[in-house]
Amino acid sequence: MPDYKSLHIITLDVPYPADYGGAIDIFYRIKALSELGFDLTIHVFEYGRGRQIELEKFGKVFYYKRSFSFFKIFSKTPFIVKSRNSTELLKNLLKDEFPIFYDGLHTTFFLSHPLLKNRFTYVRMHNIEHEYYSDLSKGSNIFKKFFFKLESYKLKKYEKILKNANQILAIKEEDQDHFKEFNTNVEVLSASIPEFFDPLSETNKFALFHGNLSVPENEMAVYWILDSLKDTLSSEFPVLVAGKYPTRKLVKYCDSLNVKILANPTEDELNKLISEAHIHVFYTESPSGVKLKLLNSLGSQGHIIVNESMTNDQNLKNFCEVASSKNDFLMKFEQLKGRDLSSEEFNKRKAYLIENFSTKNNLKKLFSNF
């Protein structure tokens, strides 16, 4: 690879602290690109997480306010895209001729802009977004259900904009064929995760669920898991719930079961919990995307229990206990409480993650001809 490269990267949110799935994927990709010698111009849409000095270590950073005008809901363009329209962003992109990396379909408002037609462009897809938003509508209240369904409809129509990109980067192989309907140049760029592994050591006797608790999918997961485990909950082996912005309803439910909920943990606090948990518990009804919280937990020394929809990757399932029902979830939980992860199990997990999810190695392959 050349020693020096220049690249614009547009992020859908402030990716630091890396405390939820999307932020983890974006932050560790930016960090790896910088370490690989890229001269980065980082364009960040900020809407509540604040400006972060940490990002300035990796390149020049511009911030833009995301617009939440109610009227944007009725645009033909999906709200997640329309609300990230900034004339200042366009001006900054036009200051040079460097390639542009659109990190998420959310950031692609200018992908088909005539003034940028000669630029080499990448679009990193985090999900098949219209499927993800359709899944989000399940179990939502009336207003959110309407919004998610409408957004799903618009996203499905909007996907044709991907024909304007030079390369689409799918997050997993299962998504590749779908995006080839719009663009023949589709590669897989696996999710970015921290490149650290704790040495195998004794865990603490607790189970952990972590995720962005403001997302309905994750809130529903907590209800399902705690309902499965309610007959075994105890102070001797507690279940902890950690994540961003839990609803009052969720806090009240956890309190009723004497389950501790850690709201808005720092990155260090969350990483400590992940590294110390004896069991990680996960559930989802949405098989879309890649569950970064699962990948992060696989780098720890704890056991992992998931349901069938948590991942379509059979290799990842081989490192987990897959439960088919609430009773099965409870049974596996009871079985694992008294058993430590063996060094053989840990080393197999570690080797698989390094081979398949090394952010630097995957980016080297992608930009080998840059």
Protein backbone atom coordinates (compact mmCIF):
# COMPACT_ATOMS: atom_id res chain seq x y z
CA MET A 1 0.00 0.00 0.00
CA PRO A 2 1.16 3.60 -0.60
CA ASP A 3 2.50 5.37 2.47
CA TYR A 4 0.11 8.26 2.09
CA LYS A 5 -3.53 8.51 1.10
CA SER A 6 -6.29 11.10 1.49
CA LEU A 7 -9.95 10.33 2.13
CA HIS A 8 -13.15 12.06 3.21
CA ILE A 9 -15.28 10.02 5.58
CA ILE A 10 -18.84 11.07 6.45
CA THR A 11 -20.28 9.64 9.66
CA LEU A 12 -23.97 9.43 10.57
CA ASP A 13 -23.33 10.26 14.25
CA VAL A 14 -20.49 11.26 16.56
CA PRO A 15 -18.64 7.91 16.74
CA TYR A 16 -16.95 8.56 20.09
CA PRO A 17 -17.32 7.34 22.73
CA ALA A 18 -17.65 3.95 21.04
CA ASP A 19 -20.50 2.88 23.30
CA TYR A 20 -23.06 1.41 20.88
CA GLY A 21 -22.90 -0.78 17.78
CA GLY A 22 -22.83 1.86 15.05
CA ALA A 23 -20.33 4.04 16.91
CA ILE A 24 -18.04 1.05 17.53
CA ASP A 25 -18.04 0.10 13.84
CA ILE A 26 -17.30 3.67 12.68
CA PHE A 27 -14.80 4.68 15.38
CA TYR A 28 -12.52 1.67 15.07
CA ARG A 29 -12.58 1.96 11.28
CA ILE A 30 -11.47 5.62 11.51
CA LYS A 31 -8.78 4.68 14.02
CA ALA A 32 -7.50 1.86 11.79
CA LEU A 33 -7.50 4.02 8.64
CA SER A 34 -5.44 6.65 10.45
CA GLU A 35 -2.98 4.03 11.69
CA LEU A 36 -2.68 2.71 8.12
CA GLY A 37 -1.49 6.12 6.95
CA PHE A 38 -4.66 7.71 5.63
CA ASP A 39 -4.93 11.49 5.77
CA LEU A 40 -8.56 11.75 6.87
CA THR A 41 -11.08 14.55 6.69
CA ILE A 42 -13.87 13.45 9.02
CA HIS A 43 -17.34 14.92 8.57
CA VAL A 44 -19.58 14.31 11.59
CA PHE A 45 -23.31 14.83 12.09
CA GLU A 46 -23.83 15.82 15.71
CA TYR A 47 -27.19 15.65 17.48
CA GLY A 48 -26.64 15.25 21.19
CA ARG A 49 -23.33 13.46 21.72
CA GLY A 50 -21.21 16.61 21.54
CA ARG A 51 -17.89 17.39 19.91
CA GLN A 52 -15.15 14.94 20.84
CA ILE A 53 -11.47 15.91 21.03
CA GLU A 54 -10.54 12.21 20.64
CA LEU A 55 -11.53 12.31 16.95
CA GLU A 56 -8.96 15.02 16.24
CA LYS A 57 -6.20 12.44 16.78
CA PHE A 58 -7.18 10.84 13.46
CA GLY A 59 -7.70 13.76 11.10
CA LYS A 60 -9.34 17.12 10.45
CA VAL A 61 -12.88 17.12 11.86
CA PHE A 62 -15.92 19.11 10.70
CA TYR A 63 -19.24 19.02 12.57
CA TYR A 64 -22.72 19.57 11.16
CA LYS A 65 -26.03 19.85 12.96
CA ARG A 66 -28.62 17.27 11.99
CA SER A 67 -31.99 18.87 11.24
CA PHE A 68 -35.01 17.32 12.96
CA SER A 69 -37.63 19.49 11.27
CA PHE A 70 -40.99 17.71 11.46
CA PHE A 71 -41.70 18.54 7.80
CA LYS A 72 -38.76 16.38 6.65
CA ILE A 73 -40.85 13.32 7.57
CA PHE A 74 -43.04 14.04 4.55
CA SER A 75 -40.17 14.30 2.05
CA LYS A 76 -39.79 11.55 -0.56
CA THR A 77 -36.23 11.19 0.68
CA PRO A 78 -35.96 9.03 3.81
CA PHE A 79 -35.82 11.06 7.00
CA ILE A 80 -32.51 9.50 8.08
CA VAL A 81 -30.98 10.87 4.85
CA LYS A 82 -32.90 14.16 4.48
CA SER A 83 -32.05 15.20 8.04
CA ARG A 84 -28.34 14.91 7.17
CA ASN A 85 -28.41 17.46 4.35
CA SER A 86 -25.84 20.21 4.89
CA THR A 87 -24.70 22.85 2.39
CA GLU A 88 -21.56 23.28 4.50
CA LEU A 89 -20.76 19.61 4.01
CA LEU A 90 -21.04 19.98 0.24
CA LYS A 91 -18.76 23.04 0.29
CA ASN A 92 -16.14 21.16 2.29
CA LEU A 93 -16.29 18.11 -0.01
CA LEU A 94 -15.70 20.38 -3.01
CA LYS A 95 -12.44 21.82 -1.63
CA ASP A 96 -10.43 18.96 -3.17
CA GLU A 97 -10.76 15.87 -5.36
CA PHE A 98 -10.19 13.17 -2.73
CA PRO A 99 -12.38 10.03 -2.60
CA ILE A 100 -15.43 10.04 -0.34
CA PHE A 101 -16.41 7.28 2.07
CA TYR A 102 -20.12 7.50 2.96
CA ASP A 103 -20.41 5.61 6.26
CA GLY A 104 -24.02 4.47 6.21
CA LEU A 105 -26.85 5.00 3.75
CA HIS A 106 -27.90 7.80 6.13
CA THR A 107 -24.99 9.97 4.89
CA THR A 108 -25.58 9.67 1.12
CA PHE A 109 -27.63 12.83 0.47
CA PHE A 110 -24.92 14.10 -1.94
CA LEU A 111 -24.02 10.75 -3.51
CA SER A 112 -25.71 11.64 -6.82
CA HIS A 113 -24.87 15.35 -6.76
CA PRO A 114 -23.63 16.53 -10.20
CA LEU A 115 -20.71 18.51 -8.70
CA LEU A 116 -19.37 15.28 -7.17
CA LYS A 117 -19.93 13.00 -10.16
CA ASN A 118 -16.19 12.57 -10.87
CA ARG A 119 -15.28 11.61 -7.30
CA PHE A 120 -14.48 8.03 -6.35
CA THR A 121 -17.08 7.01 -3.77
CA TYR A 122 -17.57 4.18 -1.30
CA VAL A 123 -20.82 3.51 0.55
CA ARG A 124 -20.60 1.38 3.68
CA MET A 125 -23.96 -0.30 4.34
CA HIS A 126 -24.64 -1.14 7.99
CA ASN A 127 -27.85 -3.05 7.20
CA ILE A 128 -30.38 -3.59 4.52
CA GLU A 129 -31.96 -0.49 5.97
CA HIS A 130 -35.56 -0.92 4.80
CA GLU A 131 -35.65 -4.38 6.43
CA TYR A 132 -34.16 -2.98 9.63
CA TYR A 133 -36.76 -0.20 9.84
CA SER A 134 -39.55 -2.64 9.13
CA ASP A 135 -38.31 -4.74 12.05
CA LEU A 136 -38.17 -1.64 14.27
CA SER A 137 -41.89 -1.09 13.69
CA LYS A 138 -42.74 -4.33 15.48
CA GLY A 139 -43.87 -3.70 19.03
CA SER A 140 -43.61 0.10 18.66
CA ASN A 141 -46.32 2.56 19.66
CA ILE A 142 -48.69 3.91 17.00
CA PHE A 143 -46.64 6.98 16.09
CA LYS A 144 -43.32 5.12 15.93
CA LYS A 145 -44.91 2.28 13.98
CA PHE A 146 -46.17 4.78 11.39
CA PHE A 147 -42.76 6.47 11.19
CA PHE A 148 -40.77 3.23 10.90
CA LYS A 149 -43.13 1.76 8.29
CA LEU A 150 -43.05 4.98 6.23
CA GLU A 151 -39.27 5.16 6.52
CA SER A 152 -38.94 1.52 5.46
CA TYR A 153 -41.07 2.19 2.37
CA LYS A 154 -38.99 5.25 1.41
CA LEU A 155 -35.67 3.51 2.09
CA LYS A 156 -36.59 0.63 -0.21
CA LYS A 157 -37.23 3.10 -3.05
CA TYR A 158 -34.17 5.19 -2.17
CA GLU A 159 -31.71 2.28 -2.42
CA LYS A 160 -31.38 2.79 -6.17
CA ILE A 161 -29.09 5.73 -5.37
CA LEU A 162 -26.40 3.12 -4.73
CA LYS A 163 -25.90 2.81 -8.50
CA ASN A 164 -23.99 6.12 -8.25
CA ALA A 165 -21.30 4.70 -5.95
CA ASN A 166 -18.07 3.22 -7.26
CA GLN A 167 -18.16 0.53 -4.59
CA ILE A 168 -20.66 -0.76 -2.05
CA LEU A 169 -19.31 -2.25 1.16
CA ALA A 170 -21.76 -4.72 2.72
CA ILE A 171 -21.36 -5.65 6.37
CA LYS A 172 -21.91 -9.36 5.73
CA GLU A 173 -22.03 -11.84 2.86
CA GLU A 174 -25.78 -12.38 3.17
CA ASP A 175 -26.35 -8.73 2.19
CA GLN A 176 -24.07 -8.84 -0.85
CA ASP A 177 -26.55 -10.28 -3.35
CA HIS A 178 -29.18 -7.74 -2.38
CA PHE A 179 -26.92 -4.77 -3.08
CA LYS A 180 -25.78 -6.27 -6.39
CA GLU A 181 -29.28 -5.45 -7.65
CA PHE A 182 -28.13 -1.81 -7.69
CA ASN A 183 -24.37 -1.99 -8.19
CA THR A 184 -22.13 -4.72 -9.60
CA ASN A 185 -19.15 -3.70 -7.43
CA VAL A 186 -20.05 -4.97 -3.97
CA GLU A 187 -17.47 -6.18 -1.46
CA VAL A 188 -17.85 -7.34 2.13
CA LEU A 189 -16.21 -5.20 4.80
CA SER A 190 -16.71 -6.93 8.14
CA ALA A 191 -17.73 -4.96 11.21
CA SER A 192 -15.00 -3.10 13.04
CA ILE A 193 -14.33 -4.14 16.63
CA PRO A 194 -11.68 -3.22 19.22
CA GLU A 195 -8.48 -5.18 18.70
CA PHE A 196 -8.02 -6.28 22.28
CA PHE A 197 -8.41 -9.56 24.09
CA ASP A 198 -8.10 -9.96 27.83
CA PRO A 199 -5.97 -12.90 28.91
CA LEU A 200 -8.13 -15.79 30.06
CA SER A 201 -8.84 -15.34 33.76
CA GLU A 202 -11.54 -16.00 36.30
CA THR A 203 -14.80 -14.14 35.67
CA ASN A 204 -17.12 -12.59 38.22
CA LYS A 205 -20.38 -14.34 38.97
CA PHE A 206 -22.91 -12.28 37.07
CA ALA A 207 -24.63 -12.23 33.70
CA LEU A 208 -24.76 -9.18 31.43
CA PHE A 209 -27.04 -7.80 28.77
CA HIS A 210 -25.73 -4.65 27.08
CA GLY A 211 -27.00 -2.54 24.21
CA ASN A 212 -28.49 0.82 23.30
CA LEU A 213 -31.59 0.69 25.49
CA SER A 214 -33.31 3.55 23.65
CA VAL A 215 -33.71 1.21 20.67
CA PRO A 216 -37.05 -0.68 20.93
CA GLU A 217 -35.43 -3.91 19.72
CA ASN A 218 -33.04 -3.90 22.68
CA GLU A 219 -35.72 -2.95 25.20
CA MET A 220 -37.86 -5.87 24.01
CA ALA A 221 -34.81 -8.12 24.33
CA VAL A 222 -34.41 -7.22 28.01
CA TYR A 223 -38.08 -8.04 28.72
CA TRP A 224 -37.75 -11.40 26.96
CA ILE A 225 -34.50 -12.36 28.69
CA LEU A 226 -35.59 -11.35 32.18
CA ASP A 227 -38.93 -13.09 31.73
CA SER A 228 -37.00 -16.24 30.75
CA LEU A 229 -34.69 -16.00 33.77
CA LYS A 230 -37.07 -14.65 36.42
CA ASP A 231 -37.21 -17.98 38.27
CA THR A 232 -33.44 -18.07 38.72
CA LEU A 233 -32.67 -14.41 39.50
CA SER A 234 -30.69 -14.08 42.72
CA SER A 235 -28.15 -11.85 44.47
CA GLU A 236 -25.63 -14.72 44.32
CA PHE A 237 -25.62 -14.64 40.51
CA PRO A 238 -27.29 -11.40 39.39
CA VAL A 239 -28.21 -10.31 35.88
CA LEU A 240 -27.03 -6.79 35.03
CA VAL A 241 -28.48 -4.61 32.27
CA ALA A 242 -26.28 -1.83 30.87
CA GLY A 243 -26.88 0.65 28.09
CA LYS A 244 -27.82 4.09 26.84
CA TYR A 245 -31.02 5.92 27.72
CA PRO A 246 -33.31 3.22 29.21
CA THR A 247 -36.98 4.17 29.30
CA ARG A 248 -38.79 4.72 32.60
CA LYS A 249 -40.88 1.66 31.83
CA LEU A 250 -37.75 -0.50 31.51
CA VAL A 251 -36.19 0.91 34.69
CA LYS A 252 -39.41 0.23 36.60
CA TYR A 253 -39.55 -3.35 35.27
CA CYS A 254 -35.94 -4.06 36.26
CA ASP A 255 -36.56 -2.58 39.71
CA SER A 256 -39.56 -4.90 40.18
CA LEU A 257 -37.24 -7.90 39.67
CA ASN A 258 -34.35 -6.42 41.71
CA VAL A 259 -32.26 -6.33 38.54
CA LYS A 260 -29.60 -3.62 38.48
CA ILE A 261 -29.70 -1.38 35.44
CA LEU A 262 -26.64 0.76 34.63
CA ALA A 263 -27.78 3.69 32.51
CA ASN A 264 -25.36 5.41 30.14
CA PRO A 265 -22.16 3.66 31.19
CA THR A 266 -18.86 5.15 30.04
CA GLU A 267 -16.87 3.21 27.48
CA ASP A 268 -14.45 2.08 30.21
CA GLU A 269 -17.29 1.00 32.51
CA LEU A 270 -18.94 -1.01 29.75
CA ASN A 271 -15.69 -2.65 28.64
CA LYS A 272 -15.00 -3.65 32.25
CA LEU A 273 -18.43 -5.27 32.55
CA ILE A 274 -17.97 -7.10 29.25
CA SER A 275 -14.56 -8.44 30.27
CA GLU A 276 -15.74 -9.61 33.71
CA ALA A 277 -19.16 -11.15 32.96
CA HIS A 278 -19.41 -14.91 33.39
CA ILE A 279 -22.34 -15.10 30.96
CA HIS A 280 -23.48 -12.73 28.22
CA VAL A 281 -27.18 -12.97 27.36
CA PHE A 282 -28.62 -11.77 24.04
CA TYR A 283 -31.94 -11.93 22.23
CA THR A 284 -33.32 -10.33 19.08
CA GLU A 285 -36.33 -10.67 16.83
CA SER A 286 -34.49 -8.85 14.03
CA PRO A 287 -31.89 -10.90 12.11
CA SER A 288 -30.77 -7.87 10.04
CA GLY A 289 -27.27 -6.44 10.24
CA VAL A 290 -24.42 -7.67 12.39
CA LYS A 291 -24.76 -7.53 16.16
CA LEU A 292 -21.60 -5.76 17.24
CA LYS A 293 -22.40 -6.31 20.89
CA LEU A 294 -22.14 -10.04 20.19
CA LEU A 295 -18.74 -9.65 18.48
CA ASN A 296 -17.44 -7.54 21.38
CA SER A 297 -18.56 -10.15 23.89
CA LEU A 298 -16.85 -12.92 21.94
CA GLY A 299 -13.56 -11.16 22.72
CA SER A 300 -14.19 -11.71 26.43
CA GLN A 301 -13.86 -14.84 28.55
CA GLY A 302 -17.56 -15.19 29.29
CA HIS A 303 -20.05 -17.73 27.96
CA ILE A 304 -22.64 -16.43 25.50
CA ILE A 305 -26.29 -17.41 25.19
CA VAL A 306 -28.24 -16.22 22.13
CA ASN A 307 -31.45 -17.02 20.32
CA GLU A 308 -31.47 -18.26 16.72
CA SER A 309 -31.99 -14.81 15.15
CA MET A 310 -29.00 -13.20 16.85
CA THR A 311 -26.70 -14.15 13.99
CA ASN A 312 -26.88 -15.95 10.65
CA ASP A 313 -23.16 -16.74 10.85
CA GLN A 314 -22.87 -20.42 11.72
CA ASN A 315 -19.23 -19.93 12.74
CA LEU A 316 -20.26 -17.38 15.36
CA LYS A 317 -23.07 -19.66 16.54
CA ASN A 318 -20.48 -22.36 17.17
CA PHE A 319 -19.03 -20.14 19.92
CA CYS A 320 -22.42 -19.58 21.56
CA GLU A 321 -25.15 -21.54 23.26
CA VAL A 322 -28.20 -21.14 21.00
CA ALA A 323 -31.53 -21.28 22.81
CA SER A 324 -34.73 -22.16 20.95
CA SER A 325 -37.22 -21.07 23.64
CA LYS A 326 -37.48 -19.34 27.01
CA ASN A 327 -37.23 -22.68 28.81
CA ASP A 328 -34.17 -23.60 26.76
CA PHE A 329 -32.62 -20.20 27.55
CA LEU A 330 -33.14 -20.81 31.27
CA MET A 331 -31.74 -24.35 31.08
CA LYS A 332 -28.56 -23.22 29.28
CA PHE A 333 -28.15 -20.36 31.75
CA GLU A 334 -28.29 -22.79 34.67
CA GLN A 335 -25.79 -25.12 33.00
CA LEU A 336 -23.23 -22.36 32.40
CA LYS A 337 -23.40 -20.65 35.79
CA GLY A 338 -20.97 -23.11 37.35
CA ARG A 339 -18.65 -23.73 34.37
CA ASP A 340 -15.67 -21.62 33.30
CA LEU A 341 -14.76 -21.11 29.66
CA SER A 342 -11.85 -23.40 28.81
CA SER A 343 -8.58 -22.09 27.34
CA GLU A 344 -9.28 -24.15 24.20
CA GLU A 345 -12.71 -22.52 23.74
CA PHE A 346 -11.28 -19.07 24.34
CA ASN A 347 -8.37 -19.50 21.94
CA LYS A 348 -10.64 -20.78 19.15
CA ARG A 349 -12.88 -17.74 19.53
CA LYS A 350 -9.91 -15.38 19.59
CA ALA A 351 -8.32 -16.93 16.48
CA TYR A 352 -11.58 -16.72 14.51
CA LEU A 353 -12.16 -13.08 15.40
CA ILE A 354 -8.58 -12.07 14.54
CA GLU A 355 -8.76 -13.86 11.18
CA ASN A 356 -12.16 -12.54 10.15
CA PHE A 357 -12.73 -9.28 12.02
CA SER A 358 -9.32 -7.60 12.15
CA THR A 359 -10.22 -4.06 11.09
CA LYS A 360 -6.74 -3.23 9.83
CA ASN A 361 -6.37 -6.42 7.81
CA ASN A 362 -9.80 -6.00 6.20
CA LEU A 363 -9.07 -2.38 5.29
CA LYS A 364 -5.68 -3.33 3.82
CA LYS A 365 -7.44 -5.76 1.49
CA LEU A 366 -10.04 -3.17 0.53
CA PHE A 367 -7.60 -0.37 -0.23
CA SER A 368 -4.80 -2.49 -1.68
CA ASN A 369 -5.10 -0.75 -5.05
CA PHE A 370 -5.94 2.69 -3.70
